[in-house]
C-alpha atoms as a PDB file:
ATOM      1  CA  UNK A   1      94.404 147.702  84.913  1.00  0.00           C
ATOM      2  CA  UNK A   2      93.113 144.155  83.687  1.00  0.00           C
ATOM      3  CA  UNK A   3      95.385 140.831  83.663  1.00  0.00           C
ATOM      4  CA  UNK A   4      94.574 137.311  82.880  1.00  0.00           C
ATOM      5  CA  UNK A   5      95.688 134.186  85.144  1.00  0.00           C
ATOM      6  CA  UNK A   6      95.006 130.651  84.811  1.00  0.00           C
ATOM      7  CA  UNK A   7      92.733 128.966  87.303  1.00  0.00           C
ATOM      8  CA  UNK A   8      95.475 126.245  88.366  1.00  0.00           C
ATOM      9  CA  UNK A   9      97.704 129.253  89.610  1.00  0.00           C
ATOM     10  CA  UNK A  10      97.248 130.639  93.287  1.00  0.00           C
ATOM     11  CA  UNK A  11      95.074 133.511  94.044  1.00  0.00           C
ATOM     12  CA  UNK A  12      97.120 136.580  95.235  1.00  0.00           C
ATOM     13  CA  UNK A  13      95.848 139.707  96.838  1.00  0.00           C
ATOM     14  CA  UNK A  14      97.221 141.769  93.875  1.00  0.00           C
ATOM     15  CA  UNK A  15      94.763 140.038  91.860  1.00  0.00           C
ATOM     16  CA  UNK A  16      92.166 142.780  92.618  1.00  0.00           C
ATOM     17  CA  UNK A  17      88.746 141.555  91.502  1.00  0.00           C
ATOM     18  CA  UNK A  18      88.808 137.989  90.118  1.00  0.00           C
ATOM     19  CA  UNK A  19      86.225 136.793  87.724  1.00  0.00           C
ATOM     20  CA  UNK A  20      86.209 133.217  85.771  1.00  0.00           C
ATOM     21  CA  UNK A  21      85.613 133.827  82.515  1.00  0.00           C
ATOM     22  CA  UNK A  22      85.020 130.196  81.312  1.00  0.00           C
ATOM     23  CA  UNK A  23      81.770 128.530  80.282  1.00  0.00           C
ATOM     24  CA  UNK A  24      82.810 125.529  82.202  1.00  0.00           C
ATOM     25  CA  UNK A  25      84.206 125.108  85.955  1.00  0.00           C
ATOM     26  CA  UNK A  26      88.090 124.168  85.591  1.00  0.00           C
ATOM     27  CA  UNK A  27      88.435 120.526  85.934  1.00  0.00           C
ATOM     28  CA  UNK A  28      89.898 119.410  89.463  1.00  0.00           C
ATOM     29  CA  UNK A  29      89.624 122.595  90.908  1.00  0.00           C
ATOM     30  CA  UNK A  30      87.254 122.994  94.222  1.00  0.00           C
ATOM     31  CA  UNK A  31      85.301 125.927  94.309  1.00  0.00           C
ATOM     32  CA  UNK A  32      86.463 127.351  97.528  1.00  0.00           C
ATOM     33  CA  UNK A  33      89.936 127.341  96.393  1.00  0.00           C
ATOM     34  CA  UNK A  34      89.817 129.622  93.194  1.00  0.00           C
ATOM     35  CA  UNK A  35      88.688 132.403  95.385  1.00  0.00           C
ATOM     36  CA  UNK A  36      86.615 134.481  92.763  1.00  0.00           C
ATOM     37  CA  UNK A  37      84.509 137.348  93.177  1.00  0.00           C
ATOM     38  CA  UNK A  38      82.231 136.545  89.924  1.00  0.00           C
ATOM     39  CA  UNK A  39      81.788 133.885  87.356  1.00  0.00           C
ATOM     40  CA  UNK A  40      81.034 135.436  84.043  1.00  0.00           C
ATOM     41  CA  UNK A  41      79.815 132.562  82.036  1.00  0.00           C
ATOM     42  CA  UNK A  42      78.054 134.354  79.595  1.00  0.00           C
ATOM     43  CA  UNK A  43      81.096 136.203  78.513  1.00  0.00           C
ATOM     44  CA  UNK A  44      82.757 133.107  77.489  1.00  0.00           C
ATOM     45  CA  UNK A  45      83.010 131.791  73.951  1.00  0.00           C
ATOM     46  CA  UNK A  46      79.688 129.836  72.621  1.00  0.00           C
ATOM     47  CA  UNK A  47      79.468 125.995  72.795  1.00  0.00           C
ATOM     48  CA  UNK A  48      79.544 125.955  69.310  1.00  0.00           C
ATOM     49  CA  UNK A  49      82.716 128.408  68.652  1.00  0.00           C
ATOM     50  CA  UNK A  50      84.381 126.480  71.869  1.00  0.00           C
ATOM     51  CA  UNK A  51      84.046 123.191  70.174  1.00  0.00           C
ATOM     52  CA  UNK A  52      84.873 124.559  66.575  1.00  0.00           C
ATOM     53  CA  UNK A  53      88.110 125.973  67.875  1.00  0.00           C
ATOM     54  CA  UNK A  54      89.413 123.092  69.800  1.00  0.00           C
ATOM     55  CA  UNK A  55      92.477 124.776  70.818  1.00  0.00           C
ATOM     56  CA  UNK A  56      93.532 124.292  67.410  1.00  0.00           C
ATOM     57  CA  UNK A  57      96.307 126.971  66.778  1.00  0.00           C
ATOM     58  CA  UNK A  58      95.779 126.999  63.033  1.00  0.00           C
ATOM     59  CA  UNK A  59      92.333 128.492  63.852  1.00  0.00           C
ATOM     60  CA  UNK A  60      93.660 131.255  66.107  1.00  0.00           C
ATOM     61  CA  UNK A  61      92.872 134.245  63.906  1.00  0.00           C
ATOM     62  CA  UNK A  62      89.411 132.986  62.821  1.00  0.00           C
ATOM     63  CA  UNK A  63      88.718 132.175  66.244  1.00  0.00           C
ATOM     64  CA  UNK A  64      89.579 135.582  67.458  1.00  0.00           C
ATOM     65  CA  UNK A  65      87.382 137.219  64.778  1.00  0.00           C
ATOM     66  CA  UNK A  66      84.454 134.834  65.691  1.00  0.00           C
ATOM     67  CA  UNK A  67      84.791 135.727  69.357  1.00  0.00           C
ATOM     68  CA  UNK A  68      84.939 139.362  69.027  1.00  0.00           C
ATOM     69  CA  UNK A  69      81.816 138.953  66.828  1.00  0.00           C
ATOM     70  CA  UNK A  70      80.109 137.095  69.730  1.00  0.00           C
ATOM     71  CA  UNK A  71      81.349 139.675  72.178  1.00  0.00           C
ATOM     72  CA  UNK A  72      79.936 142.579  70.251  1.00  0.00           C
ATOM     73  CA  UNK A  73      76.467 140.952  69.904  1.00  0.00           C
ATOM     74  CA  UNK A  74      76.269 140.987  73.733  1.00  0.00           C
ATOM     75  CA  UNK A  75      77.632 144.196  75.084  1.00  0.00           C
ATOM     76  CA  UNK A  76      75.531 144.324  78.349  1.00  0.00           C
ATOM     77  CA  UNK A  77      77.450 141.270  79.458  1.00  0.00           C
ATOM     78  CA  UNK A  78      80.698 143.233  79.367  1.00  0.00           C
ATOM     79  CA  UNK A  79      79.369 145.880  81.761  1.00  0.00           C
ATOM     80  CA  UNK A  80      80.259 143.967  84.898  1.00  0.00           C
ATOM     81  CA  UNK A  81      83.897 143.508  83.686  1.00  0.00           C
ATOM     82  CA  UNK A  82      84.345 147.088  82.639  1.00  0.00           C
ATOM     83  CA  UNK A  83      83.044 148.272  86.275  1.00  0.00           C
ATOM     84  CA  UNK A  84      85.419 146.169  87.794  1.00  0.00           C
ATOM     85  CA  UNK A  85      88.348 147.210  85.740  1.00  0.00           C
ATOM     86  CA  UNK A  86      87.366 151.187  86.039  1.00  0.00           C
ATOM     87  CA  UNK A  87      87.324 150.207  90.076  1.00  0.00           C
ATOM     88  CA  UNK A  88      90.866 148.662  90.058  1.00  0.00           C
ATOM     89  CA  UNK A  89      92.759 145.792  89.100  1.00  0.00           C
ATOM     90  CA  UNK A  90      90.706 143.005  87.381  1.00  0.00           C
ATOM     91  CA  UNK A  91      92.009 139.751  86.656  1.00  0.00           C
ATOM     92  CA  UNK A  92      90.407 137.376  84.205  1.00  0.00           C
ATOM     93  CA  UNK A  93      90.658 133.864  85.454  1.00  0.00           C
ATOM     94  CA  UNK A  94      90.711 130.932  82.721  1.00  0.00           C
ATOM     95  CA  UNK A  95      91.364 127.391  82.478  1.00  0.00           C
ATOM     96  CA  UNK A  96      93.003 126.712  79.152  1.00  0.00           C
ATOM     97  CA  UNK A  97      96.387 125.069  79.019  1.00  0.00           C
ATOM     98  CA  UNK A  98      97.639 127.252  76.032  1.00  0.00           C
ATOM     99  CA  UNK A  99      98.615 130.754  77.976  1.00  0.00           C
ATOM    100  CA  UNK A 100      98.702 132.807  74.722  1.00  0.00           C
ATOM    101  CA  UNK A 101      96.183 131.334  72.541  1.00  0.00           C
ATOM    102  CA  UNK A 102      92.840 131.341  74.579  1.00  0.00           C
ATOM    103  CA  UNK A 103      89.533 133.516  74.833  1.00  0.00           C
ATOM    104  CA  UNK A 104      90.733 135.343  78.166  1.00  0.00           C
ATOM    105  CA  UNK A 105      93.541 136.822  76.003  1.00  0.00           C
ATOM    106  CA  UNK A 106      91.065 137.805  73.649  1.00  0.00           C
ATOM    107  CA  UNK A 107      88.706 139.191  76.039  1.00  0.00           C
ATOM    108  CA  UNK A 108      91.559 141.245  77.680  1.00  0.00           C
ATOM    109  CA  UNK A 109      92.325 143.014  74.329  1.00  0.00           C
ATOM    110  CA  UNK A 110      88.810 143.273  73.626  1.00  0.00           C
ATOM    111  CA  UNK A 111      88.011 145.278  77.190  1.00  0.00           C
ATOM    112  CA  UNK A 112      91.296 147.299  76.790  1.00  0.00           C
ATOM    113  CA  UNK A 113      90.216 148.690  73.807  1.00  0.00           C
ATOM    114  CA  UNK A 114      86.458 149.597  75.288  1.00  0.00           C
ATOM    115  CA  UNK A 115      88.404 151.222  78.300  1.00  0.00           C
END
């Protein structure tokens, strides 16, 4: 099972393997407080895509398409996440305020299709 969780929510034992899927470290969060198993910077949207999207919900559909294209181009970067999901619960940790329109949600759907 794969879940998503904001970096600002407390970690829980039930989270299983916790992987940060952001290119930038979440603001105001100390590294020791986040309790991560890994930080997969390379799987996050490219800086150009992140800047273009700018969390503008009007661009959400196109953002999803472009991000999936980036994921398609880097299948090897997905392997550690897929392996973790096959072993047990995987929690994708993200920093965006919008809990519905963020890259972790797109990545979750993408990984679920691959499993």
